[in-house]
């Protein structure tokens, strides 16, 4: 069994307390509160920023190094999926088109 040091346990408990407090602090107030306009406007871009932060590195890097060849199925699949999304605005179609391009290139050609 793994040996747990007291500072490791203290760190886990402290992180748990911080998580609970920061996620529930709005319950402590009796009156409704409103975010400033600039914060509301900024939060509109949070989902796309988070998605880009996850997807873009996965598409353009391999093991932490930038892709150095055009023969990478991920590049073509991402381009096809983006084109479908801008044309039709459908998420399911974007996934289907991206995979329809990715799988033949990856499995068929070995890219």
N, C-alpha and C. Protein backbone atom coordinates (compact mmCIF):
# COMPACT_ATOMS: atom_id res chain seq x y z
N UNK A 1 0.83 -1.17 0.00
CA UNK A 1 0.00 0.00 0.00
C UNK A 1 0.88 1.24 0.00
N UNK A 2 0.38 2.28 -0.64
CA UNK A 2 1.15 3.51 -0.73
C UNK A 2 1.19 4.22 0.62
N UNK A 3 2.33 4.77 0.93
CA UNK A 3 2.48 5.53 2.15
C UNK A 3 2.08 6.97 1.88
N UNK A 4 1.18 7.51 2.69
CA UNK A 4 0.71 8.88 2.50
C UNK A 4 1.29 9.76 3.61
N UNK A 5 1.97 10.81 3.18
CA UNK A 5 2.55 11.74 4.13
C UNK A 5 1.48 12.73 4.59
N UNK A 6 1.68 13.34 5.74
CA UNK A 6 0.69 14.24 6.29
C UNK A 6 0.49 15.47 5.41
N UNK A 7 1.56 15.95 4.75
CA UNK A 7 1.40 17.13 3.91
C UNK A 7 0.63 16.81 2.63
N UNK A 8 0.69 15.58 2.16
CA UNK A 8 -0.12 15.18 1.01
C UNK A 8 -1.59 15.18 1.38
N UNK A 9 -1.92 14.61 2.53
CA UNK A 9 -3.29 14.59 3.00
C UNK A 9 -3.80 16.00 3.27
N UNK A 10 -2.98 16.85 3.85
CA UNK A 10 -3.37 18.23 4.10
C UNK A 10 -3.63 18.98 2.79
N UNK A 11 -2.81 18.73 1.79
CA UNK A 11 -3.00 19.37 0.49
C UNK A 11 -4.32 18.94 -0.14
N UNK A 12 -4.64 17.66 -0.08
CA UNK A 12 -5.89 17.15 -0.64
C UNK A 12 -7.09 17.76 0.07
N UNK A 13 -7.05 17.82 1.39
CA UNK A 13 -8.15 18.41 2.15
C UNK A 13 -8.28 19.90 1.84
N UNK A 14 -7.17 20.62 1.79
CA UNK A 14 -7.20 22.05 1.49
C UNK A 14 -7.77 22.31 0.09
N UNK A 15 -7.39 21.51 -0.90
CA UNK A 15 -7.94 21.66 -2.24
C UNK A 15 -9.44 21.38 -2.26
N UNK A 16 -9.86 20.41 -1.48
CA UNK A 16 -11.30 20.13 -1.39
C UNK A 16 -12.06 21.29 -0.78
N UNK A 17 -11.52 21.88 0.27
CA UNK A 17 -12.18 23.02 0.92
C UNK A 17 -12.25 24.20 -0.04
N UNK A 18 -11.17 24.50 -0.72
CA UNK A 18 -11.16 25.61 -1.67
C UNK A 18 -12.18 25.36 -2.78
N UNK A 19 -12.28 24.15 -3.28
CA UNK A 19 -13.24 23.83 -4.33
C UNK A 19 -14.67 24.03 -3.86
N UNK A 20 -14.99 23.53 -2.67
CA UNK A 20 -16.35 23.68 -2.15
C UNK A 20 -16.68 25.14 -1.91
N UNK A 21 -15.78 25.90 -1.32
CA UNK A 21 -16.06 27.30 -1.03
C UNK A 21 -16.23 28.11 -2.31
N UNK A 22 -15.34 27.93 -3.29
CA UNK A 22 -15.44 28.74 -4.50
C UNK A 22 -16.64 28.36 -5.36
N UNK A 23 -17.10 27.15 -5.29
CA UNK A 23 -18.25 26.76 -6.10
C UNK A 23 -19.59 27.06 -5.41
N UNK A 24 -19.55 27.37 -4.14
CA UNK A 24 -20.82 27.60 -3.45
C UNK A 24 -20.90 28.96 -2.77
N UNK A 25 -19.98 29.85 -3.04
CA UNK A 25 -20.01 31.14 -2.34
C UNK A 25 -21.24 31.96 -2.73
N UNK A 26 -21.82 31.74 -3.90
CA UNK A 26 -23.02 32.49 -4.27
C UNK A 26 -24.22 32.12 -3.41
N UNK A 27 -24.18 31.00 -2.70
CA UNK A 27 -25.27 30.60 -1.83
C UNK A 27 -25.26 31.38 -0.51
N UNK A 28 -24.14 32.01 -0.17
CA UNK A 28 -24.02 32.72 1.09
C UNK A 28 -24.76 34.05 1.09
N UNK A 29 -25.05 34.60 -0.08
CA UNK A 29 -25.69 35.90 -0.18
C UNK A 29 -27.20 35.75 -0.21
N UNK A 30 -27.92 36.63 0.51
CA UNK A 30 -29.38 36.61 0.53
C UNK A 30 -29.98 37.39 -0.63
N UNK A 31 -29.22 38.27 -1.21
CA UNK A 31 -29.77 39.07 -2.30
C UNK A 31 -29.15 38.61 -3.63
N UNK A 32 -29.90 38.76 -4.71
CA UNK A 32 -29.34 38.38 -6.02
C UNK A 32 -28.21 39.31 -6.42
N UNK A 33 -27.25 38.78 -7.10
CA UNK A 33 -26.14 39.59 -7.56
C UNK A 33 -25.97 39.40 -9.05
N UNK A 34 -25.40 40.40 -9.67
CA UNK A 34 -25.28 40.41 -11.11
C UNK A 34 -23.83 40.67 -11.49
N UNK A 35 -23.36 39.95 -12.49
CA UNK A 35 -22.01 40.17 -12.99
C UNK A 35 -21.95 41.48 -13.76
N UNK A 36 -20.81 42.13 -13.73
CA UNK A 36 -20.66 43.33 -14.57
C UNK A 36 -20.79 42.97 -16.06
N UNK A 37 -21.13 43.95 -16.86
CA UNK A 37 -21.35 43.71 -18.29
C UNK A 37 -20.11 43.12 -18.95
N UNK A 38 -18.93 43.62 -18.60
CA UNK A 38 -17.71 43.12 -19.24
C UNK A 38 -17.47 41.64 -18.90
N UNK A 39 -17.85 41.21 -17.69
CA UNK A 39 -17.69 39.80 -17.31
C UNK A 39 -18.70 38.93 -18.04
N UNK A 40 -19.93 39.40 -18.16
CA UNK A 40 -20.94 38.64 -18.91
C UNK A 40 -20.51 38.49 -20.36
N UNK A 41 -20.01 39.55 -20.94
CA UNK A 41 -19.57 39.49 -22.34
C UNK A 41 -18.38 38.54 -22.48
N UNK A 42 -17.46 38.57 -21.55
CA UNK A 42 -16.31 37.67 -21.61
C UNK A 42 -16.68 36.21 -21.46
N UNK A 43 -17.67 35.94 -20.62
CA UNK A 43 -18.10 34.56 -20.40
C UNK A 43 -18.80 33.96 -21.62
N UNK A 44 -19.26 34.79 -22.53
CA UNK A 44 -19.85 34.27 -23.75
C UNK A 44 -18.82 33.52 -24.59
N UNK A 45 -17.56 33.88 -24.46
CA UNK A 45 -16.50 33.27 -25.26
C UNK A 45 -15.80 32.13 -24.53
N UNK A 46 -16.16 31.85 -23.31
CA UNK A 46 -15.49 30.81 -22.53
C UNK A 46 -15.63 29.42 -23.15
N UNK A 47 -16.82 28.98 -23.60
CA UNK A 47 -16.90 27.63 -24.17
C UNK A 47 -16.04 27.43 -25.41
N UNK A 48 -16.04 28.38 -26.32
CA UNK A 48 -15.23 28.23 -27.53
C UNK A 48 -13.75 28.31 -27.22
N UNK A 49 -13.38 29.13 -26.24
CA UNK A 49 -11.97 29.22 -25.84
C UNK A 49 -11.51 27.91 -25.21
N UNK A 50 -12.34 27.31 -24.38
CA UNK A 50 -11.98 26.03 -23.75
C UNK A 50 -11.88 24.93 -24.81
N UNK A 51 -12.82 24.91 -25.75
CA UNK A 51 -12.79 23.91 -26.81
C UNK A 51 -11.54 24.07 -27.67
N UNK A 52 -11.21 25.29 -28.01
CA UNK A 52 -10.00 25.55 -28.81
C UNK A 52 -8.75 25.14 -28.04
N UNK A 53 -8.72 25.37 -26.75
CA UNK A 53 -7.56 25.01 -25.94
C UNK A 53 -7.34 23.51 -25.88
N UNK A 54 -8.41 22.74 -26.05
CA UNK A 54 -8.29 21.28 -26.02
C UNK A 54 -8.03 20.73 -27.42
N UNK A 55 -8.73 21.23 -28.43
CA UNK A 55 -8.68 20.67 -29.77
C UNK A 55 -7.43 21.06 -30.54
N UNK A 56 -7.09 22.33 -30.55
CA UNK A 56 -5.99 22.81 -31.40
C UNK A 56 -4.67 22.11 -31.10
N UNK A 57 -4.23 21.99 -29.85
CA UNK A 57 -2.97 21.27 -29.61
C UNK A 57 -3.02 19.81 -30.06
N UNK A 58 -4.18 19.18 -29.95
CA UNK A 58 -4.31 17.79 -30.37
C UNK A 58 -4.20 17.65 -31.88
N UNK A 59 -4.62 18.66 -32.62
CA UNK A 59 -4.60 18.59 -34.08
C UNK A 59 -3.22 18.94 -34.62
N UNK A 60 -2.56 19.92 -34.07
CA UNK A 60 -1.32 20.43 -34.67
C UNK A 60 -0.03 19.91 -34.04
N UNK A 61 -0.12 19.07 -33.02
CA UNK A 61 1.10 18.53 -32.42
C UNK A 61 1.04 17.01 -32.31
N UNK A 62 2.21 16.42 -32.31
CA UNK A 62 2.36 14.99 -32.04
C UNK A 62 3.43 14.84 -30.98
N UNK A 63 3.08 14.33 -29.84
CA UNK A 63 3.97 14.15 -28.70
C UNK A 63 4.68 15.46 -28.34
N UNK A 64 3.94 16.57 -28.37
CA UNK A 64 4.47 17.86 -27.98
C UNK A 64 5.26 18.60 -29.04
N UNK A 65 5.36 18.04 -30.24
CA UNK A 65 6.11 18.66 -31.33
C UNK A 65 5.14 18.99 -32.45
N UNK A 66 5.30 20.18 -33.06
CA UNK A 66 4.43 20.58 -34.15
C UNK A 66 4.51 19.58 -35.30
N UNK A 67 3.37 19.33 -35.93
CA UNK A 67 3.31 18.45 -37.09
C UNK A 67 4.13 19.08 -38.21
N UNK A 68 5.03 18.32 -38.79
CA UNK A 68 5.92 18.88 -39.82
C UNK A 68 5.64 18.34 -41.22
N UNK A 69 4.53 17.66 -41.40
CA UNK A 69 4.17 17.13 -42.70
C UNK A 69 2.70 17.40 -42.98
N UNK A 70 2.36 17.53 -44.25
CA UNK A 70 0.96 17.73 -44.62
C UNK A 70 0.21 16.39 -44.64
N UNK A 71 0.92 15.27 -44.55
CA UNK A 71 0.29 13.95 -44.57
C UNK A 71 -0.12 13.54 -43.17
N UNK A 72 -0.98 14.30 -42.57
CA UNK A 72 -1.53 14.00 -41.26
C UNK A 72 -3.04 14.06 -41.37
N UNK A 73 -3.68 12.96 -41.09
CA UNK A 73 -5.13 12.85 -41.26
C UNK A 73 -5.89 13.84 -40.39
N UNK A 74 -5.33 14.20 -39.24
CA UNK A 74 -6.01 15.13 -38.33
C UNK A 74 -6.19 16.50 -38.96
N UNK A 75 -5.20 16.95 -39.73
CA UNK A 75 -5.30 18.27 -40.37
C UNK A 75 -6.44 18.31 -41.37
N UNK A 76 -6.55 17.27 -42.20
CA UNK A 76 -7.60 17.22 -43.20
C UNK A 76 -8.97 17.05 -42.55
N UNK A 77 -9.05 16.24 -41.53
CA UNK A 77 -10.32 16.02 -40.83
C UNK A 77 -10.79 17.30 -40.14
N UNK A 78 -9.87 18.01 -39.51
CA UNK A 78 -10.23 19.27 -38.85
C UNK A 78 -10.68 20.31 -39.87
N UNK A 79 -10.01 20.38 -41.02
CA UNK A 79 -10.40 21.33 -42.06
C UNK A 79 -11.78 20.97 -42.62
N UNK A 80 -12.03 19.68 -42.87
CA UNK A 80 -13.33 19.27 -43.39
C UNK A 80 -14.44 19.52 -42.37
N UNK A 81 -14.18 19.21 -41.12
CA UNK A 81 -15.17 19.45 -40.07
C UNK A 81 -15.47 20.93 -39.91
N UNK A 82 -14.43 21.77 -39.95
CA UNK A 82 -14.64 23.21 -39.83
C UNK A 82 -15.43 23.74 -41.02
N UNK A 83 -15.12 23.25 -42.22
CA UNK A 83 -15.86 23.69 -43.40
C UNK A 83 -17.33 23.31 -43.29
N UNK A 84 -17.60 22.08 -42.83
CA UNK A 84 -19.00 21.67 -42.67
C UNK A 84 -19.71 22.54 -41.63
N UNK A 85 -19.03 22.81 -40.54
CA UNK A 85 -19.67 23.61 -39.50
C UNK A 85 -20.01 25.01 -40.01
N UNK A 86 -19.08 25.64 -40.72
CA UNK A 86 -19.35 26.99 -41.21
C UNK A 86 -20.42 27.00 -42.30
N UNK A 87 -20.58 25.87 -43.00
CA UNK A 87 -21.58 25.78 -44.04
C UNK A 87 -22.97 25.47 -43.48
N UNK A 88 -23.05 24.48 -42.56
CA UNK A 88 -24.34 23.99 -42.07
C UNK A 88 -24.65 24.36 -40.62
N UNK A 89 -23.65 24.72 -39.84
CA UNK A 89 -23.83 25.06 -38.42
C UNK A 89 -24.38 23.89 -37.60
N UNK A 90 -24.02 22.68 -37.95
CA UNK A 90 -24.49 21.52 -37.21
C UNK A 90 -23.34 20.76 -36.56
N UNK A 91 -23.45 20.50 -35.28
CA UNK A 91 -22.37 19.83 -34.56
C UNK A 91 -22.27 18.36 -34.96
N UNK A 92 -23.40 17.67 -35.05
CA UNK A 92 -23.37 16.26 -35.42
C UNK A 92 -22.77 16.07 -36.81
N UNK A 93 -23.17 16.90 -37.75
CA UNK A 93 -22.60 16.82 -39.10
C UNK A 93 -21.11 17.09 -39.10
N UNK A 94 -20.67 18.00 -38.27
CA UNK A 94 -19.25 18.31 -38.16
C UNK A 94 -18.47 17.08 -37.72
N UNK A 95 -18.99 16.38 -36.73
CA UNK A 95 -18.32 15.17 -36.23
C UNK A 95 -18.31 14.10 -37.31
N UNK A 96 -19.45 13.90 -37.96
CA UNK A 96 -19.56 12.85 -38.98
C UNK A 96 -18.62 13.14 -40.14
N UNK A 97 -18.61 14.37 -40.64
CA UNK A 97 -17.74 14.72 -41.77
C UNK A 97 -16.28 14.60 -41.37
N UNK A 98 -15.92 15.09 -40.19
CA UNK A 98 -14.54 14.97 -39.74
C UNK A 98 -14.08 13.53 -39.64
N UNK A 99 -14.92 12.67 -39.09
CA UNK A 99 -14.56 11.24 -38.99
C UNK A 99 -14.57 10.55 -40.34
N UNK A 100 -15.47 11.00 -41.24
CA UNK A 100 -15.52 10.41 -42.58
C UNK A 100 -14.24 10.73 -43.37
N UNK A 101 -13.60 11.83 -43.06
CA UNK A 101 -12.33 12.16 -43.69
C UNK A 101 -11.18 11.50 -42.94
N UNK A 102 -11.24 11.52 -41.63
CA UNK A 102 -10.13 11.01 -40.80
C UNK A 102 -9.92 9.50 -40.95
N UNK A 103 -11.00 8.74 -40.82
CA UNK A 103 -10.84 7.27 -40.81
C UNK A 103 -10.23 6.70 -42.09
N UNK A 104 -10.69 7.06 -43.28
CA UNK A 104 -10.03 6.50 -44.47
C UNK A 104 -8.56 6.90 -44.59
N UNK A 105 -8.25 8.15 -44.23
CA UNK A 105 -6.86 8.57 -44.31
C UNK A 105 -5.99 7.85 -43.27
N UNK A 106 -6.51 7.71 -42.06
CA UNK A 106 -5.73 7.07 -40.99
C UNK A 106 -5.64 5.56 -41.17
N UNK A 107 -6.79 4.93 -41.39
CA UNK A 107 -6.80 3.47 -41.49
C UNK A 107 -6.42 2.97 -42.88
N UNK A 108 -6.89 3.70 -43.90
CA UNK A 108 -6.63 3.27 -45.27
C UNK A 108 -5.22 3.58 -45.75
N UNK A 109 -4.79 4.82 -45.55
CA UNK A 109 -3.49 5.25 -46.04
C UNK A 109 -2.40 5.22 -44.97
N UNK A 110 -2.80 5.05 -43.71
CA UNK A 110 -1.81 4.98 -42.63
C UNK A 110 -1.22 6.32 -42.22
N UNK A 111 -1.91 7.40 -42.54
CA UNK A 111 -1.42 8.72 -42.16
C UNK A 111 -1.55 8.85 -40.70
